[in-house]
Amino acid sequence: AIELLVGDRFLLEYLNGRHSDTTI
């Protein structure tokens, strides 16, 4: 469900610990 809701690989990577708050 979380993938269908977020719908964006880059944002899913953020949820999994990648990318900074500023980058997002």
PDBML (XML) file of the C-alpha atoms, coordinates in Angstrom:
<?xml version="1.0" encoding="UTF-8" ?>
<PDBx:datablock datablockName="MODEL"
   xmlns:PDBx="http://pdbml.pdb.org/schema/pdbx-v50.xsd"
   xmlns:xsi="http://www.w3.org/2001/XMLSchema-instance"
   xsi:schemaLocation="http://pdbml.pdb.org/schema/pdbx-v50.xsd pdbx-v50.xsd">
   <PDBx:atom_siteCategory>
      <PDBx:atom_site id="1">
         <PDBx:B_iso_or_equiv>0.00</PDBx:B_iso_or_equiv>
         <PDBx:Cartn_x>0.000</PDBx:Cartn_x>
         <PDBx:Cartn_y>0.000</PDBx:Cartn_y>
         <PDBx:Cartn_z>0.000</PDBx:Cartn_z>
         <PDBx:auth_asym_id>A</PDBx:auth_asym_id>
         <PDBx:auth_atom_id>CA</PDBx:auth_atom_id>
         <PDBx:auth_comp_id>ALA</PDBx:auth_comp_id>
         <PDBx:auth_seq_id>1</PDBx:auth_seq_id>
         <PDBx:group_PDB>ATOM</PDBx:group_PDB>
         <PDBx:label_alt_id xsi:nil="true" />
         <PDBx:label_asym_id>A</PDBx:label_asym_id>
         <PDBx:label_atom_id>CA</PDBx:label_atom_id>
         <PDBx:label_comp_id>ALA</PDBx:label_comp_id>
         <PDBx:label_entity_id>1</PDBx:label_entity_id>
         <PDBx:label_seq_id>1</PDBx:label_seq_id>
         <PDBx:occupancy>1.00</PDBx:occupancy>
         <PDBx:pdbx_PDB_model_num>1</PDBx:pdbx_PDB_model_num>
         <PDBx:type_symbol>C</PDBx:type_symbol>
      </PDBx:atom_site>
      <PDBx:atom_site id="2">
         <PDBx:B_iso_or_equiv>0.00</PDBx:B_iso_or_equiv>
         <PDBx:Cartn_x>2.764</PDBx:Cartn_x>
         <PDBx:Cartn_y>2.474</PDBx:Cartn_y>
         <PDBx:Cartn_z>0.853</PDBx:Cartn_z>
         <PDBx:auth_asym_id>A</PDBx:auth_asym_id>
         <PDBx:auth_atom_id>CA</PDBx:auth_atom_id>
         <PDBx:auth_comp_id>ILE</PDBx:auth_comp_id>
         <PDBx:auth_seq_id>2</PDBx:auth_seq_id>
         <PDBx:group_PDB>ATOM</PDBx:group_PDB>
         <PDBx:label_alt_id xsi:nil="true" />
         <PDBx:label_asym_id>A</PDBx:label_asym_id>
         <PDBx:label_atom_id>CA</PDBx:label_atom_id>
         <PDBx:label_comp_id>ILE</PDBx:label_comp_id>
         <PDBx:label_entity_id>1</PDBx:label_entity_id>
         <PDBx:label_seq_id>2</PDBx:label_seq_id>
         <PDBx:occupancy>1.00</PDBx:occupancy>
         <PDBx:pdbx_PDB_model_num>1</PDBx:pdbx_PDB_model_num>
         <PDBx:type_symbol>C</PDBx:type_symbol>
      </PDBx:atom_site>
      <PDBx:atom_site id="3">
         <PDBx:B_iso_or_equiv>0.00</PDBx:B_iso_or_equiv>
         <PDBx:Cartn_x>4.179</PDBx:Cartn_x>
         <PDBx:Cartn_y>2.208</PDBx:Cartn_y>
         <PDBx:Cartn_z>-2.672</PDBx:Cartn_z>
         <PDBx:auth_asym_id>A</PDBx:auth_asym_id>
         <PDBx:auth_atom_id>CA</PDBx:auth_atom_id>
         <PDBx:auth_comp_id>GLU</PDBx:auth_comp_id>
         <PDBx:auth_seq_id>3</PDBx:auth_seq_id>
         <PDBx:group_PDB>ATOM</PDBx:group_PDB>
         <PDBx:label_alt_id xsi:nil="true" />
         <PDBx:label_asym_id>A</PDBx:label_asym_id>
         <PDBx:label_atom_id>CA</PDBx:label_atom_id>
         <PDBx:label_comp_id>GLU</PDBx:label_comp_id>
         <PDBx:label_entity_id>1</PDBx:label_entity_id>
         <PDBx:label_seq_id>3</PDBx:label_seq_id>
         <PDBx:occupancy>1.00</PDBx:occupancy>
         <PDBx:pdbx_PDB_model_num>1</PDBx:pdbx_PDB_model_num>
         <PDBx:type_symbol>C</PDBx:type_symbol>
      </PDBx:atom_site>
      <PDBx:atom_site id="4">
         <PDBx:B_iso_or_equiv>0.00</PDBx:B_iso_or_equiv>
         <PDBx:Cartn_x>0.794</PDBx:Cartn_x>
         <PDBx:Cartn_y>2.830</PDBx:Cartn_y>
         <PDBx:Cartn_z>-4.281</PDBx:Cartn_z>
         <PDBx:auth_asym_id>A</PDBx:auth_asym_id>
         <PDBx:auth_atom_id>CA</PDBx:auth_atom_id>
         <PDBx:auth_comp_id>LEU</PDBx:auth_comp_id>
         <PDBx:auth_seq_id>4</PDBx:auth_seq_id>
         <PDBx:group_PDB>ATOM</PDBx:group_PDB>
         <PDBx:label_alt_id xsi:nil="true" />
         <PDBx:label_asym_id>A</PDBx:label_asym_id>
         <PDBx:label_atom_id>CA</PDBx:label_atom_id>
         <PDBx:label_comp_id>LEU</PDBx:label_comp_id>
         <PDBx:label_entity_id>1</PDBx:label_entity_id>
         <PDBx:label_seq_id>4</PDBx:label_seq_id>
         <PDBx:occupancy>1.00</PDBx:occupancy>
         <PDBx:pdbx_PDB_model_num>1</PDBx:pdbx_PDB_model_num>
         <PDBx:type_symbol>C</PDBx:type_symbol>
      </PDBx:atom_site>
      <PDBx:atom_site id="5">
         <PDBx:B_iso_or_equiv>0.00</PDBx:B_iso_or_equiv>
         <PDBx:Cartn_x>0.207</PDBx:Cartn_x>
         <PDBx:Cartn_y>5.819</PDBx:Cartn_y>
         <PDBx:Cartn_z>-2.006</PDBx:Cartn_z>
         <PDBx:auth_asym_id>A</PDBx:auth_asym_id>
         <PDBx:auth_atom_id>CA</PDBx:auth_atom_id>
         <PDBx:auth_comp_id>LEU</PDBx:auth_comp_id>
         <PDBx:auth_seq_id>5</PDBx:auth_seq_id>
         <PDBx:group_PDB>ATOM</PDBx:group_PDB>
         <PDBx:label_alt_id xsi:nil="true" />
         <PDBx:label_asym_id>A</PDBx:label_asym_id>
         <PDBx:label_atom_id>CA</PDBx:label_atom_id>
         <PDBx:label_comp_id>LEU</PDBx:label_comp_id>
         <PDBx:label_entity_id>1</PDBx:label_entity_id>
         <PDBx:label_seq_id>5</PDBx:label_seq_id>
         <PDBx:occupancy>1.00</PDBx:occupancy>
         <PDBx:pdbx_PDB_model_num>1</PDBx:pdbx_PDB_model_num>
         <PDBx:type_symbol>C</PDBx:type_symbol>
      </PDBx:atom_site>
      <PDBx:atom_site id="6">
         <PDBx:B_iso_or_equiv>0.00</PDBx:B_iso_or_equiv>
         <PDBx:Cartn_x>3.634</PDBx:Cartn_x>
         <PDBx:Cartn_y>7.448</PDBx:Cartn_y>
         <PDBx:Cartn_z>-2.282</PDBx:Cartn_z>
         <PDBx:auth_asym_id>A</PDBx:auth_asym_id>
         <PDBx:auth_atom_id>CA</PDBx:auth_atom_id>
         <PDBx:auth_comp_id>VAL</PDBx:auth_comp_id>
         <PDBx:auth_seq_id>6</PDBx:auth_seq_id>
         <PDBx:group_PDB>ATOM</PDBx:group_PDB>
         <PDBx:label_alt_id xsi:nil="true" />
         <PDBx:label_asym_id>A</PDBx:label_asym_id>
         <PDBx:label_atom_id>CA</PDBx:label_atom_id>
         <PDBx:label_comp_id>VAL</PDBx:label_comp_id>
         <PDBx:label_entity_id>1</PDBx:label_entity_id>
         <PDBx:label_seq_id>6</PDBx:label_seq_id>
         <PDBx:occupancy>1.00</PDBx:occupancy>
         <PDBx:pdbx_PDB_model_num>1</PDBx:pdbx_PDB_model_num>
         <PDBx:type_symbol>C</PDBx:type_symbol>
      </PDBx:atom_site>
      <PDBx:atom_site id="7">
         <PDBx:B_iso_or_equiv>0.00</PDBx:B_iso_or_equiv>
         <PDBx:Cartn_x>3.873</PDBx:Cartn_x>
         <PDBx:Cartn_y>6.639</PDBx:Cartn_y>
         <PDBx:Cartn_z>-5.976</PDBx:Cartn_z>
         <PDBx:auth_asym_id>A</PDBx:auth_asym_id>
         <PDBx:auth_atom_id>CA</PDBx:auth_atom_id>
         <PDBx:auth_comp_id>GLY</PDBx:auth_comp_id>
         <PDBx:auth_seq_id>7</PDBx:auth_seq_id>
         <PDBx:group_PDB>ATOM</PDBx:group_PDB>
         <PDBx:label_alt_id xsi:nil="true" />
         <PDBx:label_asym_id>A</PDBx:label_asym_id>
         <PDBx:label_atom_id>CA</PDBx:label_atom_id>
         <PDBx:label_comp_id>GLY</PDBx:label_comp_id>
         <PDBx:label_entity_id>1</PDBx:label_entity_id>
         <PDBx:label_seq_id>7</PDBx:label_seq_id>
         <PDBx:occupancy>1.00</PDBx:occupancy>
         <PDBx:pdbx_PDB_model_num>1</PDBx:pdbx_PDB_model_num>
         <PDBx:type_symbol>C</PDBx:type_symbol>
      </PDBx:atom_site>
      <PDBx:atom_site id="8">
         <PDBx:B_iso_or_equiv>0.00</PDBx:B_iso_or_equiv>
         <PDBx:Cartn_x>7.428</PDBx:Cartn_x>
         <PDBx:Cartn_y>7.933</PDBx:Cartn_y>
         <PDBx:Cartn_z>-6.406</PDBx:Cartn_z>
         <PDBx:auth_asym_id>A</PDBx:auth_asym_id>
         <PDBx:auth_atom_id>CA</PDBx:auth_atom_id>
         <PDBx:auth_comp_id>ASP</PDBx:auth_comp_id>
         <PDBx:auth_seq_id>8</PDBx:auth_seq_id>
         <PDBx:group_PDB>ATOM</PDBx:group_PDB>
         <PDBx:label_alt_id xsi:nil="true" />
         <PDBx:label_asym_id>A</PDBx:label_asym_id>
         <PDBx:label_atom_id>CA</PDBx:label_atom_id>
         <PDBx:label_comp_id>ASP</PDBx:label_comp_id>
         <PDBx:label_entity_id>1</PDBx:label_entity_id>
         <PDBx:label_seq_id>8</PDBx:label_seq_id>
         <PDBx:occupancy>1.00</PDBx:occupancy>
         <PDBx:pdbx_PDB_model_num>1</PDBx:pdbx_PDB_model_num>
         <PDBx:type_symbol>C</PDBx:type_symbol>
      </PDBx:atom_site>
      <PDBx:atom_site id="9">
         <PDBx:B_iso_or_equiv>0.00</PDBx:B_iso_or_equiv>
         <PDBx:Cartn_x>10.697</PDBx:Cartn_x>
         <PDBx:Cartn_y>5.958</PDBx:Cartn_y>
         <PDBx:Cartn_z>-6.174</PDBx:Cartn_z>
         <PDBx:auth_asym_id>A</PDBx:auth_asym_id>
         <PDBx:auth_atom_id>CA</PDBx:auth_atom_id>
         <PDBx:auth_comp_id>ARG</PDBx:auth_comp_id>
         <PDBx:auth_seq_id>9</PDBx:auth_seq_id>
         <PDBx:group_PDB>ATOM</PDBx:group_PDB>
         <PDBx:label_alt_id xsi:nil="true" />
         <PDBx:label_asym_id>A</PDBx:label_asym_id>
         <PDBx:label_atom_id>CA</PDBx:label_atom_id>
         <PDBx:label_comp_id>ARG</PDBx:label_comp_id>
         <PDBx:label_entity_id>1</PDBx:label_entity_id>
         <PDBx:label_seq_id>9</PDBx:label_seq_id>
         <PDBx:occupancy>1.00</PDBx:occupancy>
         <PDBx:pdbx_PDB_model_num>1</PDBx:pdbx_PDB_model_num>
         <PDBx:type_symbol>C</PDBx:type_symbol>
      </PDBx:atom_site>
      <PDBx:atom_site id="10">
         <PDBx:B_iso_or_equiv>0.00</PDBx:B_iso_or_equiv>
         <PDBx:Cartn_x>12.689</PDBx:Cartn_x>
         <PDBx:Cartn_y>8.948</PDBx:Cartn_y>
         <PDBx:Cartn_z>-4.899</PDBx:Cartn_z>
         <PDBx:auth_asym_id>A</PDBx:auth_asym_id>
         <PDBx:auth_atom_id>CA</PDBx:auth_atom_id>
         <PDBx:auth_comp_id>PHE</PDBx:auth_comp_id>
         <PDBx:auth_seq_id>10</PDBx:auth_seq_id>
         <PDBx:group_PDB>ATOM</PDBx:group_PDB>
         <PDBx:label_alt_id xsi:nil="true" />
         <PDBx:label_asym_id>A</PDBx:label_asym_id>
         <PDBx:label_atom_id>CA</PDBx:label_atom_id>
         <PDBx:label_comp_id>PHE</PDBx:label_comp_id>
         <PDBx:label_entity_id>1</PDBx:label_entity_id>
         <PDBx:label_seq_id>10</PDBx:label_seq_id>
         <PDBx:occupancy>1.00</PDBx:occupancy>
         <PDBx:pdbx_PDB_model_num>1</PDBx:pdbx_PDB_model_num>
         <PDBx:type_symbol>C</PDBx:type_symbol>
      </PDBx:atom_site>
      <PDBx:atom_site id="11">
         <PDBx:B_iso_or_equiv>0.00</PDBx:B_iso_or_equiv>
         <PDBx:Cartn_x>10.268</PDBx:Cartn_x>
         <PDBx:Cartn_y>9.550</PDBx:Cartn_y>
         <PDBx:Cartn_z>-2.016</PDBx:Cartn_z>
         <PDBx:auth_asym_id>A</PDBx:auth_asym_id>
         <PDBx:auth_atom_id>CA</PDBx:auth_atom_id>
         <PDBx:auth_comp_id>LEU</PDBx:auth_comp_id>
         <PDBx:auth_seq_id>11</PDBx:auth_seq_id>
         <PDBx:group_PDB>ATOM</PDBx:group_PDB>
         <PDBx:label_alt_id xsi:nil="true" />
         <PDBx:label_asym_id>A</PDBx:label_asym_id>
         <PDBx:label_atom_id>CA</PDBx:label_atom_id>
         <PDBx:label_comp_id>LEU</PDBx:label_comp_id>
         <PDBx:label_entity_id>1</PDBx:label_entity_id>
         <PDBx:label_seq_id>11</PDBx:label_seq_id>
         <PDBx:occupancy>1.00</PDBx:occupancy>
         <PDBx:pdbx_PDB_model_num>1</PDBx:pdbx_PDB_model_num>
         <PDBx:type_symbol>C</PDBx:type_symbol>
      </PDBx:atom_site>
      <PDBx:atom_site id="12">
         <PDBx:B_iso_or_equiv>0.00</PDBx:B_iso_or_equiv>
         <PDBx:Cartn_x>10.203</PDBx:Cartn_x>
         <PDBx:Cartn_y>5.831</PDBx:Cartn_y>
         <PDBx:Cartn_z>-1.208</PDBx:Cartn_z>
         <PDBx:auth_asym_id>A</PDBx:auth_asym_id>
         <PDBx:auth_atom_id>CA</PDBx:auth_atom_id>
         <PDBx:auth_comp_id>LEU</PDBx:auth_comp_id>
         <PDBx:auth_seq_id>12</PDBx:auth_seq_id>
         <PDBx:group_PDB>ATOM</PDBx:group_PDB>
         <PDBx:label_alt_id xsi:nil="true" />
         <PDBx:label_asym_id>A</PDBx:label_asym_id>
         <PDBx:label_atom_id>CA</PDBx:label_atom_id>
         <PDBx:label_comp_id>LEU</PDBx:label_comp_id>
         <PDBx:label_entity_id>1</PDBx:label_entity_id>
         <PDBx:label_seq_id>12</PDBx:label_seq_id>
         <PDBx:occupancy>1.00</PDBx:occupancy>
         <PDBx:pdbx_PDB_model_num>1</PDBx:pdbx_PDB_model_num>
         <PDBx:type_symbol>C</PDBx:type_symbol>
      </PDBx:atom_site>
      <PDBx:atom_site id="13">
         <PDBx:B_iso_or_equiv>0.00</PDBx:B_iso_or_equiv>
         <PDBx:Cartn_x>13.998</PDBx:Cartn_x>
         <PDBx:Cartn_y>5.935</PDBx:Cartn_y>
         <PDBx:Cartn_z>-0.964</PDBx:Cartn_z>
         <PDBx:auth_asym_id>A</PDBx:auth_asym_id>
         <PDBx:auth_atom_id>CA</PDBx:auth_atom_id>
         <PDBx:auth_comp_id>GLU</PDBx:auth_comp_id>
         <PDBx:auth_seq_id>13</PDBx:auth_seq_id>
         <PDBx:group_PDB>ATOM</PDBx:group_PDB>
         <PDBx:label_alt_id xsi:nil="true" />
         <PDBx:label_asym_id>A</PDBx:label_asym_id>
         <PDBx:label_atom_id>CA</PDBx:label_atom_id>
         <PDBx:label_comp_id>GLU</PDBx:label_comp_id>
         <PDBx:label_entity_id>1</PDBx:label_entity_id>
         <PDBx:label_seq_id>13</PDBx:label_seq_id>
         <PDBx:occupancy>1.00</PDBx:occupancy>
         <PDBx:pdbx_PDB_model_num>1</PDBx:pdbx_PDB_model_num>
         <PDBx:type_symbol>C</PDBx:type_symbol>
      </PDBx:atom_site>
      <PDBx:atom_site id="14">
         <PDBx:B_iso_or_equiv>0.00</PDBx:B_iso_or_equiv>
         <PDBx:Cartn_x>13.650</PDBx:Cartn_x>
         <PDBx:Cartn_y>8.759</PDBx:Cartn_y>
         <PDBx:Cartn_z>1.572</PDBx:Cartn_z>
         <PDBx:auth_asym_id>A</PDBx:auth_asym_id>
         <PDBx:auth_atom_id>CA</PDBx:auth_atom_id>
         <PDBx:auth_comp_id>TYR</PDBx:auth_comp_id>
         <PDBx:auth_seq_id>14</PDBx:auth_seq_id>
         <PDBx:group_PDB>ATOM</PDBx:group_PDB>
         <PDBx:label_alt_id xsi:nil="true" />
         <PDBx:label_asym_id>A</PDBx:label_asym_id>
         <PDBx:label_atom_id>CA</PDBx:label_atom_id>
         <PDBx:label_comp_id>TYR</PDBx:label_comp_id>
         <PDBx:label_entity_id>1</PDBx:label_entity_id>
         <PDBx:label_seq_id>14</PDBx:label_seq_id>
         <PDBx:occupancy>1.00</PDBx:occupancy>
         <PDBx:pdbx_PDB_model_num>1</PDBx:pdbx_PDB_model_num>
         <PDBx:type_symbol>C</PDBx:type_symbol>
      </PDBx:atom_site>
      <PDBx:atom_site id="15">
         <PDBx:B_iso_or_equiv>0.00</PDBx:B_iso_or_equiv>
         <PDBx:Cartn_x>11.343</PDBx:Cartn_x>
         <PDBx:Cartn_y>6.613</PDBx:Cartn_y>
         <PDBx:Cartn_z>3.692</PDBx:Cartn_z>
         <PDBx:auth_asym_id>A</PDBx:auth_asym_id>
         <PDBx:auth_atom_id>CA</PDBx:auth_atom_id>
         <PDBx:auth_comp_id>LEU</PDBx:auth_comp_id>
         <PDBx:auth_seq_id>15</PDBx:auth_seq_id>
         <PDBx:group_PDB>ATOM</PDBx:group_PDB>
         <PDBx:label_alt_id xsi:nil="true" />
         <PDBx:label_asym_id>A</PDBx:label_asym_id>
         <PDBx:label_atom_id>CA</PDBx:label_atom_id>
         <PDBx:label_comp_id>LEU</PDBx:label_comp_id>
         <PDBx:label_entity_id>1</PDBx:label_entity_id>
         <PDBx:label_seq_id>15</PDBx:label_seq_id>
         <PDBx:occupancy>1.00</PDBx:occupancy>
         <PDBx:pdbx_PDB_model_num>1</PDBx:pdbx_PDB_model_num>
         <PDBx:type_symbol>C</PDBx:type_symbol>
      </PDBx:atom_site>
      <PDBx:atom_site id="16">
         <PDBx:B_iso_or_equiv>0.00</PDBx:B_iso_or_equiv>
         <PDBx:Cartn_x>13.993</PDBx:Cartn_x>
         <PDBx:Cartn_y>3.896</PDBx:Cartn_y>
         <PDBx:Cartn_z>3.617</PDBx:Cartn_z>
         <PDBx:auth_asym_id>A</PDBx:auth_asym_id>
         <PDBx:auth_atom_id>CA</PDBx:auth_atom_id>
         <PDBx:auth_comp_id>ASN</PDBx:auth_comp_id>
         <PDBx:auth_seq_id>16</PDBx:auth_seq_id>
         <PDBx:group_PDB>ATOM</PDBx:group_PDB>
         <PDBx:label_alt_id xsi:nil="true" />
         <PDBx:label_asym_id>A</PDBx:label_asym_id>
         <PDBx:label_atom_id>CA</PDBx:label_atom_id>
         <PDBx:label_comp_id>ASN</PDBx:label_comp_id>
         <PDBx:label_entity_id>1</PDBx:label_entity_id>
         <PDBx:label_seq_id>16</PDBx:label_seq_id>
         <PDBx:occupancy>1.00</PDBx:occupancy>
         <PDBx:pdbx_PDB_model_num>1</PDBx:pdbx_PDB_model_num>
         <PDBx:type_symbol>C</PDBx:type_symbol>
      </PDBx:atom_site>
      <PDBx:atom_site id="17">
         <PDBx:B_iso_or_equiv>0.00</PDBx:B_iso_or_equiv>
         <PDBx:Cartn_x>16.707</PDBx:Cartn_x>
         <PDBx:Cartn_y>6.188</PDBx:Cartn_y>
         <PDBx:Cartn_z>4.958</PDBx:Cartn_z>
         <PDBx:auth_asym_id>A</PDBx:auth_asym_id>
         <PDBx:auth_atom_id>CA</PDBx:auth_atom_id>
         <PDBx:auth_comp_id>GLY</PDBx:auth_comp_id>
         <PDBx:auth_seq_id>17</PDBx:auth_seq_id>
         <PDBx:group_PDB>ATOM</PDBx:group_PDB>
         <PDBx:label_alt_id xsi:nil="true" />
         <PDBx:label_asym_id>A</PDBx:label_asym_id>
         <PDBx:label_atom_id>CA</PDBx:label_atom_id>
         <PDBx:label_comp_id>GLY</PDBx:label_comp_id>
         <PDBx:label_entity_id>1</PDBx:label_entity_id>
         <PDBx:label_seq_id>17</PDBx:label_seq_id>
         <PDBx:occupancy>1.00</PDBx:occupancy>
         <PDBx:pdbx_PDB_model_num>1</PDBx:pdbx_PDB_model_num>
         <PDBx:type_symbol>C</PDBx:type_symbol>
      </PDBx:atom_site>
      <PDBx:atom_site id="18">
         <PDBx:B_iso_or_equiv>0.00</PDBx:B_iso_or_equiv>
         <PDBx:Cartn_x>18.196</PDBx:Cartn_x>
         <PDBx:Cartn_y>7.752</PDBx:Cartn_y>
         <PDBx:Cartn_z>1.841</PDBx:Cartn_z>
         <PDBx:auth_asym_id>A</PDBx:auth_asym_id>
         <PDBx:auth_atom_id>CA</PDBx:auth_atom_id>
         <PDBx:auth_comp_id>ARG</PDBx:auth_comp_id>
         <PDBx:auth_seq_id>18</PDBx:auth_seq_id>
         <PDBx:group_PDB>ATOM</PDBx:group_PDB>
         <PDBx:label_alt_id xsi:nil="true" />
         <PDBx:label_asym_id>A</PDBx:label_asym_id>
         <PDBx:label_atom_id>CA</PDBx:label_atom_id>
         <PDBx:label_comp_id>ARG</PDBx:label_comp_id>
         <PDBx:label_entity_id>1</PDBx:label_entity_id>
         <PDBx:label_seq_id>18</PDBx:label_seq_id>
         <PDBx:occupancy>1.00</PDBx:occupancy>
         <PDBx:pdbx_PDB_model_num>1</PDBx:pdbx_PDB_model_num>
         <PDBx:type_symbol>C</PDBx:type_symbol>
      </PDBx:atom_site>
      <PDBx:atom_site id="19">
         <PDBx:B_iso_or_equiv>0.00</PDBx:B_iso_or_equiv>
         <PDBx:Cartn_x>18.322</PDBx:Cartn_x>
         <PDBx:Cartn_y>11.484</PDBx:Cartn_y>
         <PDBx:Cartn_z>1.006</PDBx:Cartn_z>
         <PDBx:auth_asym_id>A</PDBx:auth_asym_id>
         <PDBx:auth_atom_id>CA</PDBx:auth_atom_id>
         <PDBx:auth_comp_id>HIS</PDBx:auth_comp_id>
         <PDBx:auth_seq_id>19</PDBx:auth_seq_id>
         <PDBx:group_PDB>ATOM</PDBx:group_PDB>
         <PDBx:label_alt_id xsi:nil="true" />
         <PDBx:label_asym_id>A</PDBx:label_asym_id>
         <PDBx:label_atom_id>CA</PDBx:label_atom_id>
         <PDBx:label_comp_id>HIS</PDBx:label_comp_id>
         <PDBx:label_entity_id>1</PDBx:label_entity_id>
         <PDBx:label_seq_id>19</PDBx:label_seq_id>
         <PDBx:occupancy>1.00</PDBx:occupancy>
         <PDBx:pdbx_PDB_model_num>1</PDBx:pdbx_PDB_model_num>
         <PDBx:type_symbol>C</PDBx:type_symbol>
      </PDBx:atom_site>
      <PDBx:atom_site id="20">
         <PDBx:B_iso_or_equiv>0.00</PDBx:B_iso_or_equiv>
         <PDBx:Cartn_x>18.250</PDBx:Cartn_x>
         <PDBx:Cartn_y>14.386</PDBx:Cartn_y>
         <PDBx:Cartn_z>3.451</PDBx:Cartn_z>
         <PDBx:auth_asym_id>A</PDBx:auth_asym_id>
         <PDBx:auth_atom_id>CA</PDBx:auth_atom_id>
         <PDBx:auth_comp_id>SER</PDBx:auth_comp_id>
         <PDBx:auth_seq_id>20</PDBx:auth_seq_id>
         <PDBx:group_PDB>ATOM</PDBx:group_PDB>
         <PDBx:label_alt_id xsi:nil="true" />
         <PDBx:label_asym_id>A</PDBx:label_asym_id>
         <PDBx:label_atom_id>CA</PDBx:label_atom_id>
         <PDBx:label_comp_id>SER</PDBx:label_comp_id>
         <PDBx:label_entity_id>1</PDBx:label_entity_id>
         <PDBx:label_seq_id>20</PDBx:label_seq_id>
         <PDBx:occupancy>1.00</PDBx:occupancy>
         <PDBx:pdbx_PDB_model_num>1</PDBx:pdbx_PDB_model_num>
         <PDBx:type_symbol>C</PDBx:type_symbol>
      </PDBx:atom_site>
      <PDBx:atom_site id="21">
         <PDBx:B_iso_or_equiv>0.00</PDBx:B_iso_or_equiv>
         <PDBx:Cartn_x>15.265</PDBx:Cartn_x>
         <PDBx:Cartn_y>16.453</PDBx:Cartn_y>
         <PDBx:Cartn_z>4.515</PDBx:Cartn_z>
         <PDBx:auth_asym_id>A</PDBx:auth_asym_id>
         <PDBx:auth_atom_id>CA</PDBx:auth_atom_id>
         <PDBx:auth_comp_id>ASP</PDBx:auth_comp_id>
         <PDBx:auth_seq_id>21</PDBx:auth_seq_id>
         <PDBx:group_PDB>ATOM</PDBx:group_PDB>
         <PDBx:label_alt_id xsi:nil="true" />
         <PDBx:label_asym_id>A</PDBx:label_asym_id>
         <PDBx:label_atom_id>CA</PDBx:label_atom_id>
         <PDBx:label_comp_id>ASP</PDBx:label_comp_id>
         <PDBx:label_entity_id>1</PDBx:label_entity_id>
         <PDBx:label_seq_id>21</PDBx:label_seq_id>
         <PDBx:occupancy>1.00</PDBx:occupancy>
         <PDBx:pdbx_PDB_model_num>1</PDBx:pdbx_PDB_model_num>
         <PDBx:type_symbol>C</PDBx:type_symbol>
      </PDBx:atom_site>
      <PDBx:atom_site id="22">
         <PDBx:B_iso_or_equiv>0.00</PDBx:B_iso_or_equiv>
         <PDBx:Cartn_x>16.688</PDBx:Cartn_x>
         <PDBx:Cartn_y>19.373</PDBx:Cartn_y>
         <PDBx:Cartn_z>2.544</PDBx:Cartn_z>
         <PDBx:auth_asym_id>A</PDBx:auth_asym_id>
         <PDBx:auth_atom_id>CA</PDBx:auth_atom_id>
         <PDBx:auth_comp_id>THR</PDBx:auth_comp_id>
         <PDBx:auth_seq_id>22</PDBx:auth_seq_id>
         <PDBx:group_PDB>ATOM</PDBx:group_PDB>
         <PDBx:label_alt_id xsi:nil="true" />
         <PDBx:label_asym_id>A</PDBx:label_asym_id>
         <PDBx:label_atom_id>CA</PDBx:label_atom_id>
         <PDBx:label_comp_id>THR</PDBx:label_comp_id>
         <PDBx:label_entity_id>1</PDBx:label_entity_id>
         <PDBx:label_seq_id>22</PDBx:label_seq_id>
         <PDBx:occupancy>1.00</PDBx:occupancy>
         <PDBx:pdbx_PDB_model_num>1</PDBx:pdbx_PDB_model_num>
         <PDBx:type_symbol>C</PDBx:type_symbol>
      </PDBx:atom_site>
      <PDBx:atom_site id="23">
         <PDBx:B_iso_or_equiv>0.00</PDBx:B_iso_or_equiv>
         <PDBx:Cartn_x>17.017</PDBx:Cartn_x>
         <PDBx:Cartn_y>17.288</PDBx:Cartn_y>
         <PDBx:Cartn_z>-0.612</PDBx:Cartn_z>
         <PDBx:auth_asym_id>A</PDBx:auth_asym_id>
         <PDBx:auth_atom_id>CA</PDBx:auth_atom_id>
         <PDBx:auth_comp_id>THR</PDBx:auth_comp_id>
         <PDBx:auth_seq_id>23</PDBx:auth_seq_id>
         <PDBx:group_PDB>ATOM</PDBx:group_PDB>
         <PDBx:label_alt_id xsi:nil="true" />
         <PDBx:label_asym_id>A</PDBx:label_asym_id>
         <PDBx:label_atom_id>CA</PDBx:label_atom_id>
         <PDBx:label_comp_id>THR</PDBx:label_comp_id>
         <PDBx:label_entity_id>1</PDBx:label_entity_id>
         <PDBx:label_seq_id>23</PDBx:label_seq_id>
         <PDBx:occupancy>1.00</PDBx:occupancy>
         <PDBx:pdbx_PDB_model_num>1</PDBx:pdbx_PDB_model_num>
         <PDBx:type_symbol>C</PDBx:type_symbol>
      </PDBx:atom_site>
      <PDBx:atom_site id="24">
         <PDBx:B_iso_or_equiv>0.00</PDBx:B_iso_or_equiv>
         <PDBx:Cartn_x>13.425</PDBx:Cartn_x>
         <PDBx:Cartn_y>16.101</PDBx:Cartn_y>
         <PDBx:Cartn_z>-0.303</PDBx:Cartn_z>
         <PDBx:auth_asym_id>A</PDBx:auth_asym_id>
         <PDBx:auth_atom_id>CA</PDBx:auth_atom_id>
         <PDBx:auth_comp_id>ILE</PDBx:auth_comp_id>
         <PDBx:auth_seq_id>24</PDBx:auth_seq_id>
         <PDBx:group_PDB>ATOM</PDBx:group_PDB>
         <PDBx:label_alt_id xsi:nil="true" />
         <PDBx:label_asym_id>A</PDBx:label_asym_id>
         <PDBx:label_atom_id>CA</PDBx:label_atom_id>
         <PDBx:label_comp_id>ILE</PDBx:label_comp_id>
         <PDBx:label_entity_id>1</PDBx:label_entity_id>
         <PDBx:label_seq_id>24</PDBx:label_seq_id>
         <PDBx:occupancy>1.00</PDBx:occupancy>
         <PDBx:pdbx_PDB_model_num>1</PDBx:pdbx_PDB_model_num>
         <PDBx:type_symbol>C</PDBx:type_symbol>
      </PDBx:atom_site>
   </PDBx:atom_siteCategory>
</PDBx:datablock>
